[in-house]
Amino acid sequence: MQGTAEVQLGDEVHTLTSGDFIGLPARGPAHAFTNTGGTELIYLVGGNRPDFDVCTYPNREQRLYVYQSVEGRVKDWVRKGTLENDNAE
């Protein structure tokens, strides 16, 4: 990692610097990274791409449903009762 960041993990805020590690469990609280340094923030992310996934973005009041269809990966954003279909990868 390069730079400094704050990560909001649910209601908690943590400061991260080079060499730090934070684990973000599946079905855990929502999280958001903010670059708090004067240089570019670079960090390593690992995870998986299940055939079906749901991501909640409370700060944006949106939920993302990602699923595998015959045509490929589909991303459906839901915001306040409306459905926006985005088939772009």
Protein backbone atom coordinates (compact mmCIF):
# COMPACT_ATOMS: atom_id res chain seq x y z
CA MET A 1 0.00 0.00 0.00
CA GLN A 2 1.09 3.54 -0.66
CA GLY A 3 -0.39 6.61 0.97
CA THR A 4 -2.83 7.10 3.82
CA ALA A 5 -6.51 6.38 3.96
CA GLU A 6 -9.49 6.27 6.22
CA VAL A 7 -11.86 3.34 5.90
CA GLN A 8 -15.38 3.67 7.17
CA LEU A 9 -16.52 0.23 8.30
CA GLY A 10 -20.13 0.52 9.38
CA ASP A 11 -20.13 3.26 12.02
CA GLU A 12 -16.38 2.95 12.75
CA VAL A 13 -13.58 4.89 11.02
CA HIS A 14 -10.02 3.49 10.89
CA THR A 15 -6.83 5.15 9.66
CA LEU A 16 -4.64 3.02 7.38
CA THR A 17 -1.03 3.57 6.34
CA SER A 18 1.51 1.62 4.31
CA GLY A 19 1.80 -1.97 5.54
CA ASP A 20 -1.61 -2.08 7.27
CA PHE A 21 -4.17 -4.79 6.58
CA ILE A 22 -7.94 -4.72 7.00
CA GLY A 23 -10.26 -7.66 6.39
CA LEU A 24 -13.73 -6.96 4.99
CA PRO A 25 -15.89 -10.04 5.54
CA ALA A 26 -18.68 -11.09 3.21
CA ARG A 27 -22.08 -9.94 4.47
CA GLY A 28 -20.25 -7.58 6.85
CA PRO A 29 -20.91 -3.88 7.32
CA ALA A 30 -20.68 -1.51 4.36
CA HIS A 31 -17.26 0.05 3.84
CA ALA A 32 -15.77 3.05 2.03
CA PHE A 33 -12.17 4.18 1.51
CA THR A 34 -11.10 7.84 1.46
CA ASN A 35 -7.64 9.02 0.44
CA THR A 36 -6.49 11.29 3.29
CA GLY A 37 -2.92 11.82 2.10
CA GLY A 38 -1.33 14.23 -0.33
CA THR A 39 -0.30 11.49 -2.77
CA GLU A 40 -2.03 8.82 -4.83
CA LEU A 41 -3.53 6.02 -2.74
CA ILE A 42 -2.57 2.53 -3.90
CA TYR A 43 -3.90 -0.59 -2.18
CA LEU A 44 -4.33 -4.28 -2.92
CA VAL A 45 -7.81 -5.84 -2.93
CA GLY A 46 -8.63 -9.53 -3.09
CA GLY A 47 -11.95 -11.29 -3.33
CA ASN A 48 -14.07 -13.53 -5.49
CA ARG A 49 -16.76 -13.16 -8.15
CA PRO A 50 -19.69 -15.39 -7.25
CA ASP A 51 -22.42 -16.09 -9.82
CA PHE A 52 -24.83 -14.06 -7.65
CA ASP A 53 -23.93 -11.19 -5.32
CA VAL A 54 -25.68 -8.32 -3.56
CA CYS A 55 -23.83 -5.15 -2.51
CA THR A 56 -25.44 -2.40 -0.44
CA TYR A 57 -24.25 1.22 -0.72
CA PRO A 58 -25.92 3.05 2.20
CA ASN A 59 -24.24 6.41 1.49
CA ARG A 60 -25.69 6.29 -2.06
CA GLU A 61 -29.01 4.73 -0.98
CA GLN A 62 -28.49 2.04 -3.62
CA ARG A 63 -28.20 -1.73 -3.82
CA LEU A 64 -26.37 -3.61 -6.57
CA TYR A 65 -27.45 -7.08 -7.71
CA VAL A 66 -24.87 -8.90 -9.82
CA TYR A 67 -25.68 -12.22 -11.47
CA GLN A 68 -24.52 -14.47 -14.28
CA SER A 69 -26.89 -14.84 -17.25
CA VAL A 70 -26.57 -16.57 -20.62
CA GLU A 71 -25.42 -13.24 -22.12
CA GLY A 72 -22.79 -12.66 -19.40
CA ARG A 73 -22.53 -10.81 -16.11
CA VAL A 74 -25.48 -8.47 -15.39
CA LYS A 75 -25.48 -5.56 -12.94
CA ASP A 76 -28.83 -4.20 -11.74
CA TRP A 77 -28.79 -1.06 -9.57
CA VAL A 78 -31.82 -0.45 -7.37
CA ARG A 79 -32.45 3.00 -5.91
CA LYS A 80 -35.61 3.93 -4.06
CA GLY A 81 -37.82 1.46 -5.93
CA THR A 82 -36.45 1.99 -9.46
CA LEU A 83 -34.41 -0.56 -11.40
CA GLU A 84 -31.56 0.55 -13.63
CA ASN A 85 -30.11 -2.29 -15.73
CA ASP A 86 -26.44 -1.95 -16.65
CA ASN A 87 -25.09 -4.91 -18.63
CA ALA A 88 -21.64 -3.34 -19.05
CA GLU A 89 -18.80 -5.10 -17.31
